[in-house]
């Protein structure tokens, strides 16, 4: 009897041990859809040859390879990301996604892996004399629809009402074009995309180095309840950071390591 009892207990221990972290696996047969703004350089965009490239594209591809799963990238309207995620049309948002309080109702976030803030971008020469957030009063201002910048401006009614005009765009590529032609006087946008754009076009634009609204952090977004998928991606992503792969990817695009150390 004791021998039988011991055997049962041993089997139970083996079962519970198998439920530990080593058993945390996602379905390798499933294709996980990643929602992106495919004109959001340098995080995810099409290069001159039409290939989808960028910081987050490379980080996601490396993560998928190490997990042994397939990630498929799907361009979405950034302002529709909540609907795309909650409806199941996409599984992950991995595209310079700010960790914002108002999004936590429908997004399960990874740990932050990069810092970000909203700054002001103007045409080269800054003929409008913009040096601070207050100088935007009476000006024509643009930003991306569904972005942290748009949320900040809308939530600050007095600031929004002080603007001469407020425009939102489906992507920053169009916003930059309007800034260059003078359709808008300034753009409030992410620092990471601003610095990349100025680096490419130093004769067209310049940055007003002031923070508009609160600073924020960037993370990977998952559907609420997808804890297992989030944890497995996080585990592999931490390995990519720890072994220096993420650093190399960051330096390739930014010329500096902007990736936060694994926490």
C-alpha atoms as a PDB file:
ATOM      1  CA  UNK A   1       0.000   0.000   0.000  1.00  0.00           C
ATOM      2  CA  UNK A   2       2.796   2.391   0.951  1.00  0.00           C
ATOM      3  CA  UNK A   3       4.586   1.530  -2.266  1.00  0.00           C
ATOM      4  CA  UNK A   4       1.462   2.336  -4.304  1.00  0.00           C
ATOM      5  CA  UNK A   5       0.950   5.604  -2.413  1.00  0.00           C
ATOM      6  CA  UNK A   6       4.568   6.606  -3.016  1.00  0.00           C
ATOM      7  CA  UNK A   7       4.198   5.903  -6.737  1.00  0.00           C
ATOM      8  CA  UNK A   8       1.038   8.037  -6.943  1.00  0.00           C
ATOM      9  CA  UNK A   9       2.739  10.917  -5.124  1.00  0.00           C
ATOM     10  CA  UNK A  10       5.744  10.659  -7.425  1.00  0.00           C
ATOM     11  CA  UNK A  11       3.519  10.824 -10.502  1.00  0.00           C
ATOM     12  CA  UNK A  12       1.702  13.858  -9.085  1.00  0.00           C
ATOM     13  CA  UNK A  13       5.021  15.630  -8.493  1.00  0.00           C
ATOM     14  CA  UNK A  14       6.039  14.957 -12.078  1.00  0.00           C
ATOM     15  CA  UNK A  15       2.757  16.408 -13.365  1.00  0.00           C
ATOM     16  CA  UNK A  16       3.030  19.581 -11.291  1.00  0.00           C
ATOM     17  CA  UNK A  17       6.690  19.995 -12.193  1.00  0.00           C
ATOM     18  CA  UNK A  18       5.655  19.851 -15.844  1.00  0.00           C
ATOM     19  CA  UNK A  19       3.396  22.859 -15.242  1.00  0.00           C
ATOM     20  CA  UNK A  20       6.340  25.112 -14.469  1.00  0.00           C
ATOM     21  CA  UNK A  21       7.963  27.771 -16.643  1.00  0.00           C
ATOM     22  CA  UNK A  22       9.558  25.213 -18.985  1.00  0.00           C
ATOM     23  CA  UNK A  23       6.083  24.177 -20.163  1.00  0.00           C
ATOM     24  CA  UNK A  24       5.164  27.720 -21.165  1.00  0.00           C
ATOM     25  CA  UNK A  25       4.814  27.253 -24.891  1.00  0.00           C
ATOM     26  CA  UNK A  26       2.670  28.847 -27.531  1.00  0.00           C
ATOM     27  CA  UNK A  27       1.166  26.975 -30.472  1.00  0.00           C
ATOM     28  CA  UNK A  28       4.030  26.710 -32.964  1.00  0.00           C
ATOM     29  CA  UNK A  29       1.581  25.895 -35.762  1.00  0.00           C
ATOM     30  CA  UNK A  30      -0.303  29.173 -35.403  1.00  0.00           C
ATOM     31  CA  UNK A  31       0.600  32.283 -37.381  1.00  0.00           C
ATOM     32  CA  UNK A  32       0.600  35.285 -35.055  1.00  0.00           C
ATOM     33  CA  UNK A  33      -0.464  38.536 -36.723  1.00  0.00           C
ATOM     34  CA  UNK A  34       1.429  41.679 -35.736  1.00  0.00           C
ATOM     35  CA  UNK A  35      -0.329  44.978 -36.388  1.00  0.00           C
ATOM     36  CA  UNK A  36       1.894  47.819 -37.556  1.00  0.00           C
ATOM     37  CA  UNK A  37       1.871  51.269 -39.106  1.00  0.00           C
ATOM     38  CA  UNK A  38       4.044  50.388 -42.116  1.00  0.00           C
ATOM     39  CA  UNK A  39       5.041  54.014 -42.697  1.00  0.00           C
ATOM     40  CA  UNK A  40       6.478  54.566 -39.221  1.00  0.00           C
ATOM     41  CA  UNK A  41      10.217  54.863 -39.810  1.00  0.00           C
ATOM     42  CA  UNK A  42      12.474  53.680 -38.337  1.00  0.00           C
ATOM     43  CA  UNK A  43      10.331  51.232 -36.325  1.00  0.00           C
ATOM     44  CA  UNK A  44       8.527  49.649 -39.279  1.00  0.00           C
ATOM     45  CA  UNK A  45       8.366  50.889 -42.885  1.00  0.00           C
ATOM     46  CA  UNK A  46       9.018  49.963 -46.517  1.00  0.00           C
ATOM     47  CA  UNK A  47      12.450  50.828 -47.862  1.00  0.00           C
ATOM     48  CA  UNK A  48      13.131  52.011 -51.417  1.00  0.00           C
ATOM     49  CA  UNK A  49      12.955  48.433 -52.698  1.00  0.00           C
ATOM     50  CA  UNK A  50       9.586  47.856 -51.023  1.00  0.00           C
ATOM     51  CA  UNK A  51      10.932  45.551 -48.306  1.00  0.00           C
ATOM     52  CA  UNK A  52       9.426  45.887 -44.823  1.00  0.00           C
ATOM     53  CA  UNK A  53      12.262  46.912 -42.509  1.00  0.00           C
ATOM     54  CA  UNK A  54      12.892  48.717 -39.227  1.00  0.00           C
ATOM     55  CA  UNK A  55      13.833  48.368 -35.573  1.00  0.00           C
ATOM     56  CA  UNK A  56      10.678  46.608 -34.408  1.00  0.00           C
ATOM     57  CA  UNK A  57      10.494  44.473 -37.553  1.00  0.00           C
ATOM     58  CA  UNK A  58      13.965  43.087 -36.838  1.00  0.00           C
ATOM     59  CA  UNK A  59      13.284  42.635 -33.122  1.00  0.00           C
ATOM     60  CA  UNK A  60      10.037  40.787 -33.857  1.00  0.00           C
ATOM     61  CA  UNK A  61      11.618  38.563 -36.528  1.00  0.00           C
ATOM     62  CA  UNK A  62      14.442  37.588 -34.176  1.00  0.00           C
ATOM     63  CA  UNK A  63      11.932  36.816 -31.427  1.00  0.00           C
ATOM     64  CA  UNK A  64       9.835  34.647 -33.767  1.00  0.00           C
ATOM     65  CA  UNK A  65      12.915  32.750 -34.944  1.00  0.00           C
ATOM     66  CA  UNK A  66      13.990  31.916 -31.410  1.00  0.00           C
ATOM     67  CA  UNK A  67      10.456  30.964 -30.378  1.00  0.00           C
ATOM     68  CA  UNK A  68      10.062  28.726 -33.413  1.00  0.00           C
ATOM     69  CA  UNK A  69       6.823  30.442 -34.457  1.00  0.00           C
ATOM     70  CA  UNK A  70       5.642  32.533 -37.406  1.00  0.00           C
ATOM     71  CA  UNK A  71       4.958  36.269 -37.100  1.00  0.00           C
ATOM     72  CA  UNK A  72       3.098  37.900 -39.971  1.00  0.00           C
ATOM     73  CA  UNK A  73       3.015  41.693 -40.251  1.00  0.00           C
ATOM     74  CA  UNK A  74      -0.273  43.386 -41.082  1.00  0.00           C
ATOM     75  CA  UNK A  75      -0.525  47.144 -41.797  1.00  0.00           C
ATOM     76  CA  UNK A  76      -3.374  48.755 -39.858  1.00  0.00           C
ATOM     77  CA  UNK A  77      -4.835  52.218 -39.404  1.00  0.00           C
ATOM     78  CA  UNK A  78      -3.209  53.275 -36.144  1.00  0.00           C
ATOM     79  CA  UNK A  79      -6.414  54.897 -34.935  1.00  0.00           C
ATOM     80  CA  UNK A  80      -8.179  51.503 -35.330  1.00  0.00           C
ATOM     81  CA  UNK A  81      -5.665  49.460 -33.314  1.00  0.00           C
ATOM     82  CA  UNK A  82      -8.105  48.802 -30.436  1.00  0.00           C
ATOM     83  CA  UNK A  83     -10.711  47.336 -32.795  1.00  0.00           C
ATOM     84  CA  UNK A  84      -8.111  45.298 -34.686  1.00  0.00           C
ATOM     85  CA  UNK A  85      -6.723  43.806 -31.467  1.00  0.00           C
ATOM     86  CA  UNK A  86      -9.922  43.129 -29.565  1.00  0.00           C
ATOM     87  CA  UNK A  87     -11.656  41.620 -32.628  1.00  0.00           C
ATOM     88  CA  UNK A  88      -8.825  39.127 -33.083  1.00  0.00           C
ATOM     89  CA  UNK A  89      -7.763  40.459 -36.487  1.00  0.00           C
ATOM     90  CA  UNK A  90      -4.289  40.968 -35.022  1.00  0.00           C
ATOM     91  CA  UNK A  91      -2.618  39.250 -32.059  1.00  0.00           C
ATOM     92  CA  UNK A  92       0.165  41.699 -31.222  1.00  0.00           C
ATOM     93  CA  UNK A  93       0.944  45.404 -31.682  1.00  0.00           C
ATOM     94  CA  UNK A  94       4.690  45.837 -32.077  1.00  0.00           C
ATOM     95  CA  UNK A  95       5.429  49.205 -33.634  1.00  0.00           C
ATOM     96  CA  UNK A  96       6.754  51.942 -31.342  1.00  0.00           C
ATOM     97  CA  UNK A  97       3.696  51.490 -29.110  1.00  0.00           C
ATOM     98  CA  UNK A  98       3.608  53.900 -26.171  1.00  0.00           C
ATOM     99  CA  UNK A  99       2.550  52.402 -22.853  1.00  0.00           C
ATOM    100  CA  UNK A 100      -0.372  54.720 -22.140  1.00  0.00           C
ATOM    101  CA  UNK A 101      -2.835  54.495 -19.229  1.00  0.00           C
ATOM    102  CA  UNK A 102      -5.859  54.936 -21.494  1.00  0.00           C
ATOM    103  CA  UNK A 103      -4.825  51.877 -23.545  1.00  0.00           C
ATOM    104  CA  UNK A 104      -4.459  49.463 -20.630  1.00  0.00           C
ATOM    105  CA  UNK A 105      -8.184  48.752 -20.750  1.00  0.00           C
ATOM    106  CA  UNK A 106      -7.674  46.697 -23.917  1.00  0.00           C
ATOM    107  CA  UNK A 107      -3.915  46.093 -24.137  1.00  0.00           C
ATOM    108  CA  UNK A 108      -1.767  43.725 -22.085  1.00  0.00           C
ATOM    109  CA  UNK A 109       1.723  45.226 -22.226  1.00  0.00           C
ATOM    110  CA  UNK A 110       5.189  43.738 -22.154  1.00  0.00           C
ATOM    111  CA  UNK A 111       7.833  45.361 -20.022  1.00  0.00           C
ATOM    112  CA  UNK A 112       9.004  48.663 -21.545  1.00  0.00           C
ATOM    113  CA  UNK A 113      12.017  48.335 -23.826  1.00  0.00           C
ATOM    114  CA  UNK A 114      12.585  51.924 -24.951  1.00  0.00           C
ATOM    115  CA  UNK A 115      11.920  55.453 -23.681  1.00  0.00           C
ATOM    116  CA  UNK A 116       9.985  57.976 -25.720  1.00  0.00           C
ATOM    117  CA  UNK A 117       8.519  61.472 -25.521  1.00  0.00           C
ATOM    118  CA  UNK A 118       6.580  63.878 -27.715  1.00  0.00           C
ATOM    119  CA  UNK A 119       8.521  66.782 -29.214  1.00  0.00           C
ATOM    120  CA  UNK A 120       7.933  69.468 -31.840  1.00  0.00           C
ATOM    121  CA  UNK A 121       9.108  69.228 -35.437  1.00  0.00           C
ATOM    122  CA  UNK A 122       9.246  72.346 -37.637  1.00  0.00           C
ATOM    123  CA  UNK A 123      10.459  73.283 -41.073  1.00  0.00           C
ATOM    124  CA  UNK A 124      14.167  74.068 -41.343  1.00  0.00           C
ATOM    125  CA  UNK A 125      14.834  77.661 -40.307  1.00  0.00           C
ATOM    126  CA  UNK A 126      11.945  77.769 -37.820  1.00  0.00           C
ATOM    127  CA  UNK A 127      10.531  80.956 -39.319  1.00  0.00           C
ATOM    128  CA  UNK A 128       7.558  80.697 -36.924  1.00  0.00           C
ATOM    129  CA  UNK A 129       9.882  81.257 -33.945  1.00  0.00           C
ATOM    130  CA  UNK A 130       8.560  78.202 -32.071  1.00  0.00           C
ATOM    131  CA  UNK A 131      10.644  77.400 -28.994  1.00  0.00           C
ATOM    132  CA  UNK A 132       8.088  75.981 -26.550  1.00  0.00           C
ATOM    133  CA  UNK A 133       4.684  74.329 -26.301  1.00  0.00           C
ATOM    134  CA  UNK A 134       3.140  77.738 -25.605  1.00  0.00           C
ATOM    135  CA  UNK A 135       4.407  79.043 -28.952  1.00  0.00           C
ATOM    136  CA  UNK A 136       2.058  76.636 -30.731  1.00  0.00           C
ATOM    137  CA  UNK A 137      -0.887  78.916 -29.874  1.00  0.00           C
ATOM    138  CA  UNK A 138      -2.495  80.235 -33.051  1.00  0.00           C
ATOM    139  CA  UNK A 139      -0.474  77.866 -35.239  1.00  0.00           C
ATOM    140  CA  UNK A 140      -1.581  75.071 -37.550  1.00  0.00           C
ATOM    141  CA  UNK A 141      -0.523  71.871 -35.807  1.00  0.00           C
ATOM    142  CA  UNK A 142      -0.577  68.267 -36.989  1.00  0.00           C
ATOM    143  CA  UNK A 143      -0.071  64.811 -35.482  1.00  0.00           C
ATOM    144  CA  UNK A 144      -0.974  61.181 -36.156  1.00  0.00           C
ATOM    145  CA  UNK A 145      -4.507  59.992 -35.453  1.00  0.00           C
ATOM    146  CA  UNK A 146      -4.589  57.567 -32.533  1.00  0.00           C
ATOM    147  CA  UNK A 147      -1.184  58.652 -31.254  1.00  0.00           C
ATOM    148  CA  UNK A 148      -0.106  59.685 -27.768  1.00  0.00           C
ATOM    149  CA  UNK A 149       0.271  63.219 -29.121  1.00  0.00           C
ATOM    150  CA  UNK A 150      -3.341  63.334 -30.273  1.00  0.00           C
ATOM    151  CA  UNK A 151      -4.573  62.011 -26.916  1.00  0.00           C
ATOM    152  CA  UNK A 152      -2.575  64.636 -25.034  1.00  0.00           C
ATOM    153  CA  UNK A 153      -3.861  67.499 -27.183  1.00  0.00           C
ATOM    154  CA  UNK A 154      -7.501  66.364 -27.037  1.00  0.00           C
ATOM    155  CA  UNK A 155      -7.411  65.837 -23.277  1.00  0.00           C
ATOM    156  CA  UNK A 156      -5.959  69.314 -22.740  1.00  0.00           C
ATOM    157  CA  UNK A 157      -8.928  71.368 -23.918  1.00  0.00           C
ATOM    158  CA  UNK A 158      -7.383  74.777 -23.232  1.00  0.00           C
ATOM    159  CA  UNK A 159      -4.254  73.883 -25.178  1.00  0.00           C
ATOM    160  CA  UNK A 160      -6.281  72.491 -28.094  1.00  0.00           C
ATOM    161  CA  UNK A 161      -8.496  75.564 -28.247  1.00  0.00           C
ATOM    162  CA  UNK A 162      -5.413  77.795 -28.328  1.00  0.00           C
ATOM    163  CA  UNK A 163      -4.275  76.229 -31.614  1.00  0.00           C
ATOM    164  CA  UNK A 164      -5.116  77.969 -34.853  1.00  0.00           C
ATOM    165  CA  UNK A 165      -5.856  74.610 -36.466  1.00  0.00           C
ATOM    166  CA  UNK A 166      -5.434  70.997 -35.426  1.00  0.00           C
ATOM    167  CA  UNK A 167      -5.046  68.253 -38.041  1.00  0.00           C
ATOM    168  CA  UNK A 168      -4.617  64.498 -37.648  1.00  0.00           C
ATOM    169  CA  UNK A 169      -3.095  62.145 -40.189  1.00  0.00           C
ATOM    170  CA  UNK A 170      -3.296  58.437 -40.877  1.00  0.00           C
ATOM    171  CA  UNK A 171       0.510  58.335 -40.885  1.00  0.00           C
ATOM    172  CA  UNK A 172       3.449  60.637 -40.270  1.00  0.00           C
ATOM    173  CA  UNK A 173       4.675  60.387 -43.848  1.00  0.00           C
ATOM    174  CA  UNK A 174       1.734  62.521 -44.974  1.00  0.00           C
ATOM    175  CA  UNK A 175       2.180  64.839 -41.994  1.00  0.00           C
ATOM    176  CA  UNK A 176       5.833  65.446 -42.898  1.00  0.00           C
ATOM    177  CA  UNK A 177       4.818  66.269 -46.452  1.00  0.00           C
ATOM    178  CA  UNK A 178       2.313  68.859 -45.198  1.00  0.00           C
ATOM    179  CA  UNK A 179       4.937  70.335 -42.883  1.00  0.00           C
ATOM    180  CA  UNK A 180       7.353  70.713 -45.778  1.00  0.00           C
ATOM    181  CA  UNK A 181       4.743  72.426 -47.977  1.00  0.00           C
ATOM    182  CA  UNK A 182       3.607  74.725 -45.155  1.00  0.00           C
ATOM    183  CA  UNK A 183       0.124  73.233 -44.834  1.00  0.00           C
ATOM    184  CA  UNK A 184       0.909  72.937 -41.112  1.00  0.00           C
ATOM    185  CA  UNK A 185       3.379  75.007 -39.094  1.00  0.00           C
ATOM    186  CA  UNK A 186       4.554  72.252 -36.789  1.00  0.00           C
ATOM    187  CA  UNK A 187       4.051  68.597 -35.949  1.00  0.00           C
ATOM    188  CA  UNK A 188       3.873  67.156 -32.453  1.00  0.00           C
ATOM    189  CA  UNK A 189       5.215  63.624 -32.656  1.00  0.00           C
ATOM    190  CA  UNK A 190       7.387  60.889 -31.162  1.00  0.00           C
ATOM    191  CA  UNK A 191      11.018  61.787 -30.629  1.00  0.00           C
ATOM    192  CA  UNK A 192      12.220  58.509 -32.146  1.00  0.00           C
ATOM    193  CA  UNK A 193      10.558  59.133 -35.510  1.00  0.00           C
ATOM    194  CA  UNK A 194      11.455  62.853 -35.464  1.00  0.00           C
ATOM    195  CA  UNK A 195      15.171  62.243 -34.965  1.00  0.00           C
ATOM    196  CA  UNK A 196      15.224  59.603 -37.685  1.00  0.00           C
ATOM    197  CA  UNK A 197      13.447  61.956 -40.114  1.00  0.00           C
ATOM    198  CA  UNK A 198      15.784  64.860 -39.350  1.00  0.00           C
ATOM    199  CA  UNK A 199      18.769  62.541 -39.736  1.00  0.00           C
ATOM    200  CA  UNK A 200      17.543  61.662 -43.238  1.00  0.00           C
ATOM    201  CA  UNK A 201      16.465  65.211 -44.154  1.00  0.00           C
ATOM    202  CA  UNK A 202      18.595  67.707 -42.203  1.00  0.00           C
ATOM    203  CA  UNK A 203      17.934  70.424 -44.777  1.00  0.00           C
ATOM    204  CA  UNK A 204      14.140  70.112 -44.511  1.00  0.00           C
ATOM    205  CA  UNK A 205      13.273  69.845 -40.820  1.00  0.00           C
ATOM    206  CA  UNK A 206      14.547  70.640 -37.361  1.00  0.00           C
ATOM    207  CA  UNK A 207      13.577  69.571 -33.866  1.00  0.00           C
ATOM    208  CA  UNK A 208      12.444  71.897 -31.105  1.00  0.00           C
ATOM    209  CA  UNK A 209      13.912  70.000 -28.175  1.00  0.00           C
ATOM    210  CA  UNK A 210      11.105  70.422 -25.647  1.00  0.00           C
ATOM    211  CA  UNK A 211       8.820  67.751 -24.196  1.00  0.00           C
ATOM    212  CA  UNK A 212       5.128  68.118 -25.003  1.00  0.00           C
ATOM    213  CA  UNK A 213       3.038  66.314 -22.411  1.00  0.00           C
ATOM    214  CA  UNK A 214       4.405  63.531 -20.185  1.00  0.00           C
ATOM    215  CA  UNK A 215       7.358  61.328 -21.145  1.00  0.00           C
ATOM    216  CA  UNK A 216       6.470  57.711 -21.861  1.00  0.00           C
ATOM    217  CA  UNK A 217       7.876  54.258 -22.569  1.00  0.00           C
ATOM    218  CA  UNK A 218       7.496  51.865 -25.489  1.00  0.00           C
ATOM    219  CA  UNK A 219       6.311  48.281 -25.134  1.00  0.00           C
ATOM    220  CA  UNK A 220       4.777  45.358 -27.026  1.00  0.00           C
ATOM    221  CA  UNK A 221       0.979  45.102 -26.878  1.00  0.00           C
ATOM    222  CA  UNK A 222      -1.110  41.926 -26.572  1.00  0.00           C
ATOM    223  CA  UNK A 223      -4.818  41.255 -26.285  1.00  0.00           C
ATOM    224  CA  UNK A 224      -6.108  41.270 -22.703  1.00  0.00           C
ATOM    225  CA  UNK A 225      -5.948  37.760 -21.266  1.00  0.00           C
ATOM    226  CA  UNK A 226      -3.132  36.574 -23.573  1.00  0.00           C
ATOM    227  CA  UNK A 227      -0.756  36.196 -20.632  1.00  0.00           C
ATOM    228  CA  UNK A 228       0.927  33.024 -21.884  1.00  0.00           C
ATOM    229  CA  UNK A 229       1.794  34.573 -25.258  1.00  0.00           C
ATOM    230  CA  UNK A 230       2.986  37.789 -23.605  1.00  0.00           C
ATOM    231  CA  UNK A 231       5.189  35.905 -21.136  1.00  0.00           C
ATOM    232  CA  UNK A 232       6.765  33.677 -23.786  1.00  0.00           C
ATOM    233  CA  UNK A 233       7.538  36.654 -26.044  1.00  0.00           C
ATOM    234  CA  UNK A 234       8.917  38.550 -23.042  1.00  0.00           C
ATOM    235  CA  UNK A 235      11.167  35.634 -22.046  1.00  0.00           C
ATOM    236  CA  UNK A 236      12.708  35.424 -25.506  1.00  0.00           C
ATOM    237  CA  UNK A 237      12.911  39.206 -25.907  1.00  0.00           C
ATOM    238  CA  UNK A 238      14.823  39.454 -22.603  1.00  0.00           C
ATOM    239  CA  UNK A 239      17.338  36.965 -24.024  1.00  0.00           C
ATOM    240  CA  UNK A 240      17.745  39.112 -27.130  1.00  0.00           C
ATOM    241  CA  UNK A 241      18.466  42.130 -24.940  1.00  0.00           C
ATOM    242  CA  UNK A 242      20.822  40.224 -22.619  1.00  0.00           C
ATOM    243  CA  UNK A 243      22.998  38.765 -25.389  1.00  0.00           C
ATOM    244  CA  UNK A 244      23.433  42.110 -27.166  1.00  0.00           C
ATOM    245  CA  UNK A 245      21.329  41.353 -30.270  1.00  0.00           C
ATOM    246  CA  UNK A 246      18.838  44.139 -29.502  1.00  0.00           C
ATOM    247  CA  UNK A 247      21.741  46.558 -28.985  1.00  0.00           C
ATOM    248  CA  UNK A 248      23.104  45.790 -32.456  1.00  0.00           C
ATOM    249  CA  UNK A 249      19.679  46.331 -34.020  1.00  0.00           C
ATOM    250  CA  UNK A 250      19.249  49.670 -32.227  1.00  0.00           C
ATOM    251  CA  UNK A 251      22.717  50.868 -33.231  1.00  0.00           C
ATOM    252  CA  UNK A 252      22.038  49.896 -36.856  1.00  0.00           C
ATOM    253  CA  UNK A 253      19.067  52.275 -37.012  1.00  0.00           C
ATOM    254  CA  UNK A 254      19.746  54.933 -34.377  1.00  0.00           C
ATOM    255  CA  UNK A 255      23.579  54.858 -34.245  1.00  0.00           C
ATOM    256  CA  UNK A 256      23.176  54.419 -30.484  1.00  0.00           C
ATOM    257  CA  UNK A 257      21.776  51.790 -28.121  1.00  0.00           C
ATOM    258  CA  UNK A 258      18.302  52.960 -26.999  1.00  0.00           C
ATOM    259  CA  UNK A 259      17.143  49.557 -25.734  1.00  0.00           C
ATOM    260  CA  UNK A 260      16.443  49.413 -22.004  1.00  0.00           C
ATOM    261  CA  UNK A 261      18.231  46.686 -20.051  1.00  0.00           C
ATOM    262  CA  UNK A 262      16.211  43.546 -19.325  1.00  0.00           C
ATOM    263  CA  UNK A 263      14.398  44.022 -16.015  1.00  0.00           C
END
